[in-house]
N, C-alpha and C. Protein backbone atom coordinates (compact mmCIF):
# COMPACT_ATOMS: atom_id res chain seq x y z
N UNK A 1 -3.91 -45.59 -27.84
CA UNK A 1 -3.62 -46.86 -26.70
C UNK A 1 -4.69 -47.59 -26.30
N UNK A 2 -4.10 -48.91 -26.37
CA UNK A 2 -5.09 -49.86 -26.05
C UNK A 2 -4.75 -50.34 -24.14
N UNK A 3 -5.95 -50.63 -23.79
CA UNK A 3 -5.79 -51.40 -22.28
C UNK A 3 -6.72 -51.76 -21.66
N UNK A 4 -6.42 -52.64 -20.47
CA UNK A 4 -7.41 -53.00 -19.99
C UNK A 4 -8.24 -52.67 -18.92
N UNK A 5 -9.66 -52.81 -19.06
CA UNK A 5 -10.69 -51.77 -18.28
C UNK A 5 -11.34 -52.98 -17.38
N UNK A 6 -11.61 -52.35 -16.04
CA UNK A 6 -12.22 -53.17 -15.28
C UNK A 6 -13.66 -52.30 -14.77
N UNK A 7 -14.50 -52.83 -14.93
CA UNK A 7 -16.06 -52.48 -14.44
C UNK A 7 -16.51 -52.64 -13.12
N UNK A 8 -16.57 -51.48 -12.24
CA UNK A 8 -16.87 -51.68 -10.91
C UNK A 8 -17.94 -51.41 -10.45
N UNK A 9 -18.68 -51.66 -9.59
CA UNK A 9 -20.06 -51.01 -8.43
C UNK A 9 -19.44 -50.15 -7.69
N UNK A 10 -20.08 -48.94 -7.64
CA UNK A 10 -19.59 -47.68 -6.96
C UNK A 10 -18.90 -48.32 -5.26
N UNK A 11 -19.96 -49.04 -5.02
CA UNK A 11 -19.49 -49.69 -3.58
C UNK A 11 -18.29 -50.27 -3.55
N UNK A 12 -17.93 -51.51 -4.51
CA UNK A 12 -16.84 -52.24 -4.96
C UNK A 12 -15.32 -51.02 -5.26
N UNK A 13 -15.68 -50.15 -5.74
CA UNK A 13 -14.80 -49.23 -6.22
C UNK A 13 -14.39 -48.60 -4.58
N UNK A 14 -15.43 -48.19 -3.91
CA UNK A 14 -15.07 -47.27 -2.49
C UNK A 14 -14.05 -48.38 -1.41
N UNK A 15 -14.49 -49.87 -1.75
CA UNK A 15 -14.02 -50.90 -0.95
C UNK A 15 -12.45 -50.81 -1.39
N UNK A 16 -12.16 -50.83 -2.76
CA UNK A 16 -10.95 -50.79 -3.44
C UNK A 16 -9.98 -49.86 -2.91
N UNK A 17 -10.54 -48.56 -3.34
CA UNK A 17 -9.94 -47.61 -2.96
C UNK A 17 -9.28 -47.46 -1.54
N UNK A 18 -10.26 -47.69 -0.19
CA UNK A 18 -10.22 -47.77 0.81
C UNK A 18 -8.90 -48.60 1.09
N UNK A 19 -9.00 -50.04 0.35
CA UNK A 19 -7.87 -50.97 0.95
C UNK A 19 -6.34 -50.35 0.49
N UNK A 20 -6.30 -49.82 -0.61
CA UNK A 20 -5.23 -49.10 -1.03
C UNK A 20 -4.58 -48.02 0.13
N UNK A 21 -5.57 -47.31 0.17
CA UNK A 21 -5.26 -46.11 1.12
C UNK A 21 -4.69 -46.85 2.34
N UNK A 22 -5.29 -47.75 2.86
CA UNK A 22 -5.16 -48.48 4.43
C UNK A 22 -3.95 -48.68 4.17
N UNK A 23 -3.06 -49.33 2.74
CA UNK A 23 -2.05 -50.27 2.81
C UNK A 23 -0.80 -49.03 2.60
N UNK A 24 -1.02 -47.95 1.69
CA UNK A 24 -0.21 -46.97 1.54
C UNK A 24 -0.07 -46.41 3.19
N UNK A 25 -1.02 -46.22 3.73
CA UNK A 25 -1.13 -45.62 5.07
C UNK A 25 -0.25 -46.13 6.07
N UNK A 26 -0.49 -47.52 5.90
CA UNK A 26 0.51 -48.58 6.88
C UNK A 26 1.51 -48.67 6.63
N UNK A 27 1.94 -48.61 5.43
CA UNK A 27 3.53 -48.44 5.04
C UNK A 27 4.11 -47.00 5.11
N UNK A 28 3.63 -46.08 5.78
CA UNK A 28 4.39 -44.84 5.13
C UNK A 28 5.11 -44.82 6.80
N UNK A 29 6.09 -44.29 6.29
CA UNK A 29 7.54 -44.08 7.60
C UNK A 29 7.05 -43.26 8.61
N UNK A 30 7.71 -43.64 9.50
CA UNK A 30 7.25 -42.41 10.64
C UNK A 30 8.31 -41.32 10.70
N UNK A 31 8.18 -40.85 9.76
CA UNK A 31 8.85 -39.39 10.13
C UNK A 31 8.59 -38.11 10.54
N UNK A 32 7.50 -38.14 11.08
CA UNK A 32 6.85 -37.32 12.08
C UNK A 32 7.93 -37.29 13.12
N UNK A 33 8.37 -38.46 13.66
CA UNK A 33 8.68 -38.71 14.73
C UNK A 33 10.23 -39.16 14.68
N UNK A 34 11.06 -38.50 16.00
CA UNK A 34 12.52 -38.71 16.12
C UNK A 34 12.78 -40.07 16.53
N UNK A 35 13.89 -40.48 16.20
CA UNK A 35 14.49 -42.18 16.57
C UNK A 35 14.07 -42.66 17.89
N UNK A 36 14.17 -41.26 18.80
CA UNK A 36 13.79 -41.60 19.96
C UNK A 36 12.38 -42.03 20.65
N UNK A 37 11.59 -41.10 19.62
CA UNK A 37 10.21 -41.30 19.88
C UNK A 37 9.35 -42.19 19.21
N UNK A 38 10.13 -42.74 17.99
CA UNK A 38 9.69 -43.91 17.43
C UNK A 38 9.40 -45.10 18.44
N UNK A 39 10.98 -45.03 19.12
CA UNK A 39 10.88 -46.21 20.05
C UNK A 39 9.95 -46.44 21.48
N UNK A 40 9.20 -45.32 21.49
CA UNK A 40 8.55 -45.25 22.52
C UNK A 40 7.11 -45.65 22.14
N UNK A 41 6.67 -45.73 20.71
CA UNK A 41 5.34 -46.11 20.65
C UNK A 41 5.20 -47.11 19.79
N UNK A 42 3.86 -47.98 19.80
CA UNK A 42 3.69 -49.00 18.69
C UNK A 42 2.34 -48.36 17.70
N UNK A 43 2.50 -49.02 16.63
CA UNK A 43 1.63 -48.66 15.43
C UNK A 43 0.32 -49.80 15.60
N UNK A 44 -0.64 -49.49 15.47
CA UNK A 44 -1.97 -49.81 15.56
C UNK A 44 -1.45 -51.72 14.82
N UNK A 45 -0.85 -51.93 14.17
CA UNK A 45 -0.54 -53.36 14.12
C UNK A 45 0.62 -54.08 14.89
N UNK A 46 1.30 -53.21 15.64
CA UNK A 46 2.20 -53.78 16.77
C UNK A 46 1.56 -53.86 17.84
N UNK A 47 0.55 -53.43 18.02
CA UNK A 47 -0.71 -53.59 19.15
C UNK A 47 -1.22 -54.57 19.33
N UNK A 48 -1.93 -54.91 17.92
CA UNK A 48 -2.98 -56.17 17.92
C UNK A 48 -1.87 -56.87 17.91
N UNK A 49 -0.73 -57.12 17.30
CA UNK A 49 0.18 -58.10 17.25
C UNK A 49 0.36 -58.70 18.80
N UNK A 50 1.14 -57.67 19.60
CA UNK A 50 1.71 -57.84 21.05
C UNK A 50 0.53 -58.41 21.66
N UNK A 51 -0.87 -57.67 21.61
CA UNK A 51 -2.20 -58.49 22.35
C UNK A 51 -2.61 -59.33 22.24
N UNK A 52 -2.59 -59.71 20.64
CA UNK A 52 -3.47 -60.83 20.00
C UNK A 52 -4.80 -60.73 19.79
N UNK A 53 -4.86 -59.35 19.32
CA UNK A 53 -6.15 -59.00 19.23
C UNK A 53 -6.62 -58.48 17.86
N UNK A 54 -8.06 -58.24 17.61
CA UNK A 54 -8.03 -57.82 16.34
C UNK A 54 -8.28 -56.18 16.20
N UNK A 55 -8.47 -55.89 15.19
CA UNK A 55 -8.47 -54.28 15.16
C UNK A 55 -9.63 -53.93 15.87
N UNK A 56 -10.79 -54.38 15.11
CA UNK A 56 -12.30 -54.36 16.12
C UNK A 56 -11.64 -54.03 17.40
N UNK A 57 -11.42 -55.20 18.21
CA UNK A 57 -11.33 -55.50 19.72
C UNK A 57 -10.39 -53.90 20.20
N UNK A 58 -9.52 -53.80 19.21
CA UNK A 58 -8.57 -52.47 19.70
C UNK A 58 -9.57 -51.02 19.65
N UNK A 59 -10.20 -51.21 18.62
CA UNK A 59 -11.04 -50.05 18.75
C UNK A 59 -12.08 -49.82 19.83
N UNK A 60 -12.86 -51.16 20.52
CA UNK A 60 -13.70 -51.08 21.23
C UNK A 60 -12.72 -50.80 22.59
N UNK A 61 -11.44 -51.26 22.92
CA UNK A 61 -10.53 -51.09 24.09
C UNK A 61 -10.73 -49.39 24.41
N UNK A 62 -10.07 -48.77 22.79
CA UNK A 62 -10.09 -47.12 23.02
C UNK A 62 -11.30 -46.66 23.26
N UNK A 63 -12.48 -46.79 22.51
CA UNK A 63 -14.08 -46.18 23.14
C UNK A 63 -14.05 -46.53 24.92
N UNK A 64 -13.51 -47.70 25.29
CA UNK A 64 -13.83 -47.99 26.58
C UNK A 64 -12.82 -47.24 27.81
N UNK A 65 -11.60 -46.87 26.93
CA UNK A 65 -10.61 -46.03 27.72
C UNK A 65 -9.79 -47.02 28.52
N UNK A 66 -9.86 -48.22 28.12
CA UNK A 66 -8.74 -49.35 28.33
C UNK A 66 -7.44 -48.85 27.67
N UNK A 67 -7.17 -48.20 26.56
CA UNK A 67 -6.22 -48.00 25.79
C UNK A 67 -6.25 -46.74 25.30
N UNK A 68 -5.33 -45.95 25.23
CA UNK A 68 -5.39 -44.67 24.89
C UNK A 68 -4.18 -44.33 23.86
N UNK A 69 -5.00 -43.57 22.67
CA UNK A 69 -4.59 -43.82 21.54
C UNK A 69 -3.72 -42.29 21.32
N UNK A 70 -2.60 -42.28 20.58
CA UNK A 70 -2.06 -40.85 20.54
C UNK A 70 -2.32 -40.44 19.21
N UNK A 71 -2.80 -39.31 18.82
CA UNK A 71 -2.96 -39.37 17.35
C UNK A 71 -1.67 -38.15 16.51
N UNK A 72 -0.86 -38.91 15.62
CA UNK A 72 0.15 -37.72 15.20
C UNK A 72 -0.05 -38.15 13.85
N UNK A 73 -0.20 -37.13 13.10
CA UNK A 73 -0.21 -37.19 11.34
C UNK A 73 -0.84 -37.78 10.83
N UNK A 74 -2.15 -38.20 11.24
CA UNK A 74 -3.05 -38.91 10.92
C UNK A 74 -2.92 -40.21 11.39
N UNK A 75 -1.73 -40.84 11.98
CA UNK A 75 -1.77 -42.17 12.53
C UNK A 75 -1.96 -42.28 13.87
N UNK A 76 -2.44 -43.34 14.20
CA UNK A 76 -2.80 -44.12 15.83
C UNK A 76 -1.13 -44.45 16.40
N UNK A 77 -0.93 -43.69 17.07
CA UNK A 77 0.27 -44.83 18.06
C UNK A 77 -0.41 -44.52 19.36
N UNK A 78 0.20 -45.99 19.95
CA UNK A 78 0.03 -45.78 21.43
C UNK A 78 1.25 -46.55 22.05
N UNK A 79 1.42 -45.82 23.43
CA UNK A 79 2.48 -45.77 24.41
C UNK A 79 3.19 -47.19 24.82
N UNK A 80 4.33 -47.38 24.55
CA UNK A 80 4.82 -48.75 24.74
C UNK A 80 4.83 -48.89 26.31
N UNK A 81 4.87 -47.91 27.40
CA UNK A 81 4.68 -48.09 28.63
C UNK A 81 3.08 -48.23 29.27
N UNK A 82 2.45 -47.93 28.09
CA UNK A 82 0.95 -48.56 28.39
C UNK A 82 0.38 -49.33 28.28
N UNK A 83 1.13 -49.58 26.76
CA UNK A 83 0.61 -51.03 26.89
C UNK A 83 1.42 -52.26 27.47
N UNK A 84 2.41 -52.13 27.78
CA UNK A 84 3.27 -52.75 28.63
C UNK A 84 2.54 -52.87 30.35
N UNK A 85 2.32 -51.73 30.68
CA UNK A 85 1.36 -51.76 31.95
C UNK A 85 -0.03 -52.68 32.08
N UNK A 86 -0.43 -52.34 30.93
CA UNK A 86 -1.73 -53.22 30.58
C UNK A 86 -1.63 -54.53 30.62
N UNK A 87 -0.47 -55.10 29.71
CA UNK A 87 -0.09 -56.55 29.92
C UNK A 87 0.26 -57.07 31.22
N UNK A 88 1.03 -56.28 31.68
CA UNK A 88 1.39 -56.61 33.51
C UNK A 88 0.14 -56.83 34.31
N UNK A 89 -0.78 -55.85 34.02
CA UNK A 89 -2.05 -55.75 35.05
C UNK A 89 -2.70 -57.04 34.42
N UNK A 90 -3.21 -57.13 33.39
CA UNK A 90 -3.84 -58.37 32.78
C UNK A 90 -3.05 -59.86 33.50
N UNK A 91 -1.88 -60.30 33.22
CA UNK A 91 -1.04 -61.24 33.77
C UNK A 91 -1.28 -61.27 35.29
N UNK A 92 -1.15 -60.44 36.15
CA UNK A 92 -0.99 -60.33 37.37
C UNK A 92 -2.50 -60.47 38.27
N UNK A 93 -3.82 -60.44 37.16
CA UNK A 93 -5.22 -60.43 37.35
C UNK A 93 -5.51 -62.12 36.81
N UNK A 94 -4.92 -62.58 36.33
CA UNK A 94 -4.80 -63.74 35.88
C UNK A 94 -4.37 -64.85 36.80
N UNK A 95 -2.96 -64.65 37.65
CA UNK A 95 -2.27 -65.22 38.23
C UNK A 95 -2.94 -64.91 39.67
N UNK A 96 -3.54 -64.08 39.91
CA UNK A 96 -4.12 -63.98 41.26
C UNK A 96 -5.24 -64.69 41.39
N UNK A 97 -6.26 -65.02 40.25
CA UNK A 97 -7.32 -65.49 39.99
C UNK A 97 -6.85 -67.06 40.46
N UNK A 98 -5.83 -67.53 40.23
CA UNK A 98 -5.25 -68.81 40.54
C UNK A 98 -6.24 -69.51 39.46
N UNK A 99 -6.13 -71.34 39.91
CA UNK A 99 -6.74 -71.99 39.38
C UNK A 99 -8.21 -72.65 39.73
N UNK A 100 -8.98 -72.81 38.82
CA UNK A 100 -10.15 -73.04 39.39
C UNK A 100 -10.63 -74.44 39.53
N UNK A 101 -10.91 -74.63 40.77
CA UNK A 101 -10.99 -76.29 41.70
C UNK A 101 -12.61 -76.21 41.68
């Protein structure tokens, strides 16, 4: 049997495996949730897109208690109601500040 071989350093191999696992887990269907339940939660990617933030910022907001994460089957899920209320509170705060004159 003949094939191509790639030599990687240990740290590089860890990085490649981590990226592959993240890709596979990120594409995993939400089979643990019913249709109604899946409509009530955002995934990490959806929250970051909705709030226009990075994964690091999302993690920091979780640590500070600004956003509550719900763990289900190894996945981080976020309540749509909580994210919507967070957005509304930020918009109200921005509107009440008014223009800087």
